[in-house]
N, C-alpha and C. Protein backbone atom coordinates (compact mmCIF):
# COMPACT_ATOMS: atom_id res chain seq x y z
N MET A 1 0.82 -1.19 0.00
CA MET A 1 0.00 0.00 0.00
C MET A 1 0.86 1.25 0.00
N GLY A 2 2.04 1.21 0.63
CA GLY A 2 2.93 2.37 0.70
C GLY A 2 3.50 2.75 -0.65
N GLN A 3 3.78 1.73 -1.48
CA GLN A 3 4.33 2.00 -2.80
C GLN A 3 3.27 2.66 -3.70
N ARG A 4 2.04 2.23 -3.57
CA ARG A 4 0.95 2.80 -4.35
C ARG A 4 0.75 4.27 -3.99
N SER A 5 0.86 4.58 -2.71
CA SER A 5 0.71 5.96 -2.23
C SER A 5 1.86 6.84 -2.75
N ALA A 6 3.06 6.29 -2.75
CA ALA A 6 4.22 7.03 -3.25
C ALA A 6 4.07 7.30 -4.75
N THR A 7 3.56 6.32 -5.47
CA THR A 7 3.35 6.49 -6.91
C THR A 7 2.31 7.57 -7.17
N ARG A 8 1.24 7.58 -6.41
CA ARG A 8 0.21 8.60 -6.56
C ARG A 8 0.76 9.99 -6.23
N SER A 9 1.60 10.05 -5.21
CA SER A 9 2.20 11.34 -4.84
C SER A 9 3.08 11.87 -5.98
N LYS A 10 3.86 10.98 -6.57
CA LYS A 10 4.72 11.39 -7.69
C LYS A 10 3.89 11.85 -8.88
N MET A 11 2.79 11.13 -9.15
CA MET A 11 1.92 11.50 -10.27
C MET A 11 1.27 12.86 -10.00
N ALA A 12 0.83 13.08 -8.77
CA ALA A 12 0.20 14.35 -8.42
C ALA A 12 1.21 15.50 -8.53
N LEU A 13 2.43 15.27 -8.05
CA LEU A 13 3.46 16.29 -8.15
C LEU A 13 3.80 16.59 -9.60
N SER A 14 3.89 15.56 -10.42
CA SER A 14 4.15 15.73 -11.84
C SER A 14 3.03 16.51 -12.51
N LEU A 15 1.80 16.21 -12.14
CA LEU A 15 0.65 16.92 -12.70
C LEU A 15 0.67 18.39 -12.31
N VAL A 16 0.98 18.67 -11.05
CA VAL A 16 1.04 20.06 -10.59
C VAL A 16 2.16 20.81 -11.32
N LYS A 17 3.32 20.18 -11.48
CA LYS A 17 4.44 20.83 -12.19
C LYS A 17 4.05 21.16 -13.63
N ASN A 18 3.45 20.19 -14.33
CA ASN A 18 3.08 20.41 -15.72
C ASN A 18 1.98 21.46 -15.86
N LEU A 19 1.00 21.44 -14.96
CA LEU A 19 -0.05 22.46 -15.00
C LEU A 19 0.52 23.85 -14.74
N THR A 20 1.47 23.92 -13.82
CA THR A 20 2.11 25.21 -13.53
C THR A 20 2.83 25.74 -14.77
N LYS A 21 3.54 24.88 -15.47
CA LYS A 21 4.24 25.28 -16.68
C LYS A 21 3.26 25.75 -17.75
N ILE A 22 2.16 25.04 -17.89
CA ILE A 22 1.15 25.42 -18.89
C ILE A 22 0.53 26.77 -18.54
N VAL A 23 0.22 26.98 -17.26
CA VAL A 23 -0.38 28.25 -16.84
C VAL A 23 0.59 29.40 -17.05
N ILE A 24 1.86 29.21 -16.71
CA ILE A 24 2.86 30.27 -16.90
C ILE A 24 3.04 30.57 -18.39
N GLY A 25 3.14 29.54 -19.20
CA GLY A 25 3.27 29.74 -20.65
C GLY A 25 2.06 30.43 -21.23
N GLY A 26 0.87 29.99 -20.84
CA GLY A 26 -0.36 30.62 -21.32
C GLY A 26 -0.46 32.07 -20.88
N GLY A 27 -0.07 32.33 -19.63
CA GLY A 27 -0.10 33.71 -19.13
C GLY A 27 0.87 34.59 -19.89
N ALA A 28 2.07 34.07 -20.16
CA ALA A 28 3.06 34.85 -20.93
C ALA A 28 2.54 35.14 -22.33
N LEU A 29 1.93 34.14 -22.94
CA LEU A 29 1.37 34.33 -24.28
C LEU A 29 0.25 35.36 -24.25
N TYR A 30 -0.62 35.29 -23.23
CA TYR A 30 -1.72 36.25 -23.12
C TYR A 30 -1.19 37.68 -22.94
N VAL A 31 -0.22 37.85 -22.05
CA VAL A 31 0.31 39.20 -21.78
C VAL A 31 0.98 39.77 -23.03
N THR A 32 1.78 38.96 -23.73
CA THR A 32 2.44 39.46 -24.93
C THR A 32 1.43 39.78 -26.02
N TYR A 33 0.37 38.98 -26.13
CA TYR A 33 -0.67 39.26 -27.12
C TYR A 33 -1.41 40.54 -26.74
N ASP A 34 -1.72 40.69 -25.46
CA ASP A 34 -2.43 41.87 -24.98
C ASP A 34 -1.61 43.14 -25.18
N GLN A 35 -0.29 43.04 -25.06
CA GLN A 35 0.58 44.20 -25.25
C GLN A 35 0.81 44.54 -26.72
N GLY A 36 0.40 43.67 -27.63
CA GLY A 36 0.54 43.95 -29.06
C GLY A 36 1.79 43.38 -29.69
N ILE A 37 2.51 42.52 -28.98
CA ILE A 37 3.74 41.94 -29.52
C ILE A 37 3.45 41.12 -30.77
N TRP A 38 2.35 40.40 -30.80
CA TRP A 38 2.02 39.50 -31.90
C TRP A 38 1.18 40.19 -32.97
N GLY A 39 0.99 41.48 -32.85
CA GLY A 39 0.18 42.22 -33.82
C GLY A 39 1.00 42.65 -35.03
N GLU A 40 0.53 43.70 -35.67
CA GLU A 40 1.23 44.24 -36.83
C GLU A 40 2.51 44.94 -36.38
N GLY A 41 3.33 45.33 -37.36
CA GLY A 41 4.62 45.95 -37.06
C GLY A 41 4.50 47.20 -36.22
N SER A 42 3.50 48.03 -36.50
CA SER A 42 3.34 49.28 -35.75
C SER A 42 2.98 48.98 -34.29
N GLN A 43 2.17 47.94 -34.06
CA GLN A 43 1.83 47.57 -32.68
C GLN A 43 3.06 47.04 -31.95
N SER A 44 3.86 46.24 -32.63
CA SER A 44 5.06 45.70 -32.01
C SER A 44 6.05 46.81 -31.67
N THR A 45 6.17 47.79 -32.55
CA THR A 45 7.08 48.92 -32.30
C THR A 45 6.62 49.70 -31.08
N LYS A 46 5.32 49.95 -30.98
CA LYS A 46 4.79 50.66 -29.81
C LYS A 46 5.03 49.87 -28.53
N ALA A 47 4.83 48.56 -28.60
CA ALA A 47 5.06 47.71 -27.43
C ALA A 47 6.53 47.74 -27.02
N LEU A 48 7.43 47.71 -27.99
CA LEU A 48 8.86 47.77 -27.71
C LEU A 48 9.22 49.10 -27.05
N THR A 49 8.66 50.19 -27.55
CA THR A 49 8.93 51.51 -26.97
C THR A 49 8.43 51.57 -25.54
N ARG A 50 7.21 51.06 -25.29
CA ARG A 50 6.67 51.05 -23.93
C ARG A 50 7.54 50.21 -23.00
N LEU A 51 7.93 49.04 -23.46
CA LEU A 51 8.71 48.12 -22.63
C LEU A 51 10.08 48.70 -22.31
N SER A 52 10.75 49.23 -23.32
CA SER A 52 12.09 49.77 -23.07
C SER A 52 12.03 50.97 -22.14
N GLY A 53 10.99 51.78 -22.24
CA GLY A 53 10.83 52.92 -21.33
C GLY A 53 10.60 52.46 -19.91
N GLN A 54 9.84 51.39 -19.74
CA GLN A 54 9.57 50.88 -18.40
C GLN A 54 10.81 50.25 -17.78
N LEU A 55 11.62 49.58 -18.59
CA LEU A 55 12.81 48.93 -18.05
C LEU A 55 13.81 49.95 -17.52
N VAL A 56 14.01 51.03 -18.26
CA VAL A 56 14.97 52.04 -17.82
C VAL A 56 14.41 52.83 -16.65
N ALA A 57 13.12 53.16 -16.70
CA ALA A 57 12.51 53.98 -15.65
C ALA A 57 12.40 53.24 -14.33
N LYS A 58 12.16 51.96 -14.35
CA LYS A 58 11.93 51.20 -13.12
C LYS A 58 13.19 50.51 -12.61
N GLN A 59 14.30 51.14 -12.80
CA GLN A 59 15.56 50.56 -12.35
C GLN A 59 15.70 50.74 -10.84
N PRO A 60 15.87 49.65 -10.10
CA PRO A 60 16.01 49.78 -8.64
C PRO A 60 17.29 50.54 -8.28
N PRO A 61 17.26 51.24 -7.15
CA PRO A 61 18.44 52.03 -6.73
C PRO A 61 19.69 51.18 -6.53
N TYR A 62 19.53 49.95 -6.05
CA TYR A 62 20.71 49.12 -5.79
C TYR A 62 21.43 48.75 -7.08
N VAL A 63 20.71 48.74 -8.20
CA VAL A 63 21.37 48.46 -9.48
C VAL A 63 22.32 49.60 -9.81
N LYS A 64 21.86 50.83 -9.61
CA LYS A 64 22.70 52.00 -9.88
C LYS A 64 23.94 51.99 -8.97
N GLU A 65 23.75 51.60 -7.71
CA GLU A 65 24.87 51.56 -6.77
C GLU A 65 25.89 50.49 -7.19
N ARG A 66 25.41 49.34 -7.59
CA ARG A 66 26.32 48.24 -7.94
C ARG A 66 27.06 48.49 -9.23
N LEU A 67 26.43 49.21 -10.17
CA LEU A 67 27.06 49.47 -11.45
C LEU A 67 27.99 50.68 -11.40
N GLY A 68 27.98 51.40 -10.32
CA GLY A 68 28.93 52.50 -10.14
C GLY A 68 28.75 53.65 -11.12
N GLY A 69 27.54 54.08 -11.32
CA GLY A 69 27.31 55.25 -12.15
C GLY A 69 27.33 55.01 -13.65
N VAL A 70 27.12 53.80 -14.08
CA VAL A 70 27.07 53.50 -15.51
C VAL A 70 25.83 54.15 -16.09
N GLN A 71 25.99 54.86 -17.19
CA GLN A 71 24.87 55.52 -17.84
C GLN A 71 24.21 54.56 -18.83
N PHE A 72 22.92 54.44 -18.72
CA PHE A 72 22.17 53.61 -19.64
C PHE A 72 21.72 54.46 -20.83
N PRO A 73 21.59 53.85 -22.00
CA PRO A 73 21.12 54.61 -23.16
C PRO A 73 19.67 55.06 -22.96
N SER A 74 19.32 56.11 -23.67
CA SER A 74 17.95 56.61 -23.56
C SER A 74 16.98 55.61 -24.20
N THR A 75 15.72 55.83 -23.94
CA THR A 75 14.68 54.95 -24.48
C THR A 75 14.72 54.95 -26.00
N GLU A 76 14.89 56.12 -26.59
CA GLU A 76 14.91 56.22 -28.05
C GLU A 76 16.11 55.47 -28.63
N GLU A 77 17.28 55.61 -28.00
CA GLU A 77 18.47 54.92 -28.48
C GLU A 77 18.30 53.40 -28.39
N MET A 78 17.71 52.96 -27.30
CA MET A 78 17.49 51.52 -27.14
C MET A 78 16.51 51.01 -28.18
N ALA A 79 15.43 51.74 -28.39
CA ALA A 79 14.42 51.30 -29.34
C ALA A 79 14.99 51.21 -30.75
N VAL A 80 15.78 52.21 -31.15
CA VAL A 80 16.37 52.20 -32.49
C VAL A 80 17.37 51.06 -32.61
N SER A 81 18.21 50.88 -31.61
CA SER A 81 19.22 49.83 -31.64
C SER A 81 18.58 48.45 -31.73
N VAL A 82 17.60 48.19 -30.88
CA VAL A 82 16.94 46.88 -30.88
C VAL A 82 16.22 46.66 -32.20
N ARG A 83 15.53 47.68 -32.68
CA ARG A 83 14.79 47.55 -33.93
C ARG A 83 15.74 47.25 -35.09
N ASP A 84 16.87 47.96 -35.16
CA ASP A 84 17.83 47.72 -36.24
C ASP A 84 18.42 46.31 -36.16
N ASN A 85 18.81 45.90 -34.96
CA ASN A 85 19.37 44.57 -34.80
C ASN A 85 18.34 43.49 -35.10
N TRP A 86 17.11 43.72 -34.68
CA TRP A 86 16.06 42.75 -34.96
C TRP A 86 15.87 42.62 -36.46
N ASN A 87 15.79 43.75 -37.16
CA ASN A 87 15.57 43.70 -38.61
C ASN A 87 16.72 43.00 -39.32
N SER A 88 17.96 43.28 -38.92
CA SER A 88 19.08 42.63 -39.59
C SER A 88 19.09 41.13 -39.29
N GLY A 89 18.70 40.75 -38.08
CA GLY A 89 18.61 39.34 -37.74
C GLY A 89 17.55 38.62 -38.55
N VAL A 90 16.41 39.26 -38.70
CA VAL A 90 15.33 38.67 -39.50
C VAL A 90 15.78 38.53 -40.95
N MET A 91 16.45 39.55 -41.48
CA MET A 91 16.91 39.48 -42.87
C MET A 91 17.93 38.35 -43.06
N LYS A 92 18.84 38.17 -42.10
CA LYS A 92 19.84 37.11 -42.22
C LYS A 92 19.18 35.73 -42.17
N VAL A 93 18.22 35.56 -41.28
CA VAL A 93 17.53 34.28 -41.19
C VAL A 93 16.77 33.98 -42.48
N CYS A 94 16.06 34.97 -42.99
CA CYS A 94 15.30 34.77 -44.24
C CYS A 94 16.25 34.51 -45.40
N SER A 95 17.36 35.19 -45.44
CA SER A 95 18.35 34.96 -46.49
C SER A 95 18.90 33.53 -46.41
N GLY A 96 19.19 33.08 -45.21
CA GLY A 96 19.68 31.71 -45.03
C GLY A 96 18.64 30.68 -45.42
N LEU A 97 17.39 30.94 -45.07
CA LEU A 97 16.33 30.00 -45.44
C LEU A 97 16.11 29.95 -46.94
N SER A 98 16.23 31.11 -47.60
CA SER A 98 16.03 31.11 -49.05
C SER A 98 17.18 30.42 -49.77
N ALA A 99 18.38 30.43 -49.19
CA ALA A 99 19.53 29.78 -49.81
C ALA A 99 19.63 28.30 -49.43
N ALA A 100 18.84 27.85 -48.48
CA ALA A 100 18.94 26.47 -47.99
C ALA A 100 18.72 25.41 -49.06
N PRO A 101 17.73 25.53 -49.94
CA PRO A 101 17.55 24.47 -50.95
C PRO A 101 18.77 24.29 -51.86
N ALA A 102 19.36 25.39 -52.32
CA ALA A 102 20.55 25.29 -53.17
C ALA A 102 21.72 24.71 -52.38
N PHE A 103 21.87 25.13 -51.16
CA PHE A 103 22.95 24.65 -50.29
C PHE A 103 22.82 23.15 -50.07
N VAL A 104 21.62 22.70 -49.74
CA VAL A 104 21.38 21.28 -49.49
C VAL A 104 21.59 20.48 -50.78
N GLY A 105 21.10 21.01 -51.89
CA GLY A 105 21.27 20.31 -53.17
C GLY A 105 22.72 20.14 -53.54
N LYS A 106 23.50 21.20 -53.36
CA LYS A 106 24.93 21.17 -53.70
C LYS A 106 25.66 20.12 -52.85
N TYR A 107 25.42 20.15 -51.55
CA TYR A 107 26.15 19.24 -50.68
C TYR A 107 25.61 17.81 -50.73
N SER A 108 24.34 17.63 -51.04
CA SER A 108 23.84 16.26 -51.19
C SER A 108 24.41 15.63 -52.46
N GLU A 109 24.58 16.43 -53.51
CA GLU A 109 25.22 15.92 -54.74
C GLU A 109 26.67 15.54 -54.47
N LYS A 110 27.36 16.39 -53.71
CA LYS A 110 28.76 16.12 -53.37
C LYS A 110 28.86 14.86 -52.50
N ALA A 111 27.93 14.70 -51.55
CA ALA A 111 27.94 13.51 -50.69
C ALA A 111 27.65 12.25 -51.49
N THR A 112 26.72 12.34 -52.43
CA THR A 112 26.39 11.18 -53.27
C THR A 112 27.59 10.76 -54.11
N THR A 113 28.27 11.73 -54.69
CA THR A 113 29.45 11.44 -55.50
C THR A 113 30.55 10.81 -54.65
N SER A 114 30.79 11.37 -53.48
CA SER A 114 31.83 10.84 -52.59
C SER A 114 31.49 9.43 -52.13
N LEU A 115 30.22 9.19 -51.81
CA LEU A 115 29.80 7.86 -51.37
C LEU A 115 29.95 6.85 -52.49
N ALA A 116 29.57 7.22 -53.70
CA ALA A 116 29.71 6.31 -54.84
C ALA A 116 31.18 5.97 -55.09
N LEU A 117 32.05 6.98 -55.00
CA LEU A 117 33.48 6.76 -55.18
C LEU A 117 34.02 5.84 -54.08
N PHE A 118 33.61 6.06 -52.85
CA PHE A 118 34.05 5.22 -51.73
C PHE A 118 33.62 3.78 -51.94
N ILE A 119 32.38 3.59 -52.36
CA ILE A 119 31.88 2.23 -52.59
C ILE A 119 32.66 1.55 -53.70
N ARG A 120 32.90 2.28 -54.79
CA ARG A 120 33.66 1.69 -55.90
C ARG A 120 35.07 1.31 -55.47
N GLN A 121 35.73 2.15 -54.70
CA GLN A 121 37.12 1.91 -54.33
C GLN A 121 37.28 0.88 -53.21
N ASN A 122 36.40 0.89 -52.24
CA ASN A 122 36.60 0.05 -51.07
C ASN A 122 35.76 -1.21 -51.03
N LEU A 123 34.58 -1.14 -51.50
CA LEU A 123 33.70 -2.31 -51.40
C LEU A 123 33.75 -3.19 -52.64
N HIS A 124 33.95 -2.60 -53.79
CA HIS A 124 34.03 -3.33 -55.06
C HIS A 124 35.30 -2.89 -55.81
N PRO A 125 36.47 -3.32 -55.32
CA PRO A 125 37.72 -2.82 -55.93
C PRO A 125 37.92 -3.27 -57.38
N ASN A 126 37.30 -4.35 -57.81
CA ASN A 126 37.49 -4.86 -59.16
C ASN A 126 36.56 -4.23 -60.19
N VAL A 127 35.56 -3.47 -59.72
CA VAL A 127 34.61 -2.85 -60.64
C VAL A 127 35.29 -1.69 -61.34
N GLY A 128 35.14 -1.59 -62.63
CA GLY A 128 35.71 -0.49 -63.40
C GLY A 128 37.11 -0.74 -63.89
N LYS A 129 37.68 -1.96 -63.68
CA LYS A 129 39.04 -2.24 -64.14
C LYS A 129 39.02 -3.05 -65.40
């Protein structure tokens, strides 16, 4: 009876852990959707501006003390920097994805040729003589 109880406890704990993860993930998705992150580009830009302004404005005093007077960039500088880096990252990913079929085709042809040569030389040494 003790083993059955232990198994039930483990199952209940596992269920609580998984439900907690689902609730946190769902909540994060809801908040980001509500803030406009998943909307059109203009909504995402506004959300980024709001978020970056809140991060700089709500800096706890102990952070300033520990960093020893480090100046943080303004909200506008952060928004422009993040937006530019995001756009260049998206462009690089899209460029890589568009080049992937040619890349895969080129290297699969090279692999096929190398494999055929290997088979001819090592597995069937008398073929082709």
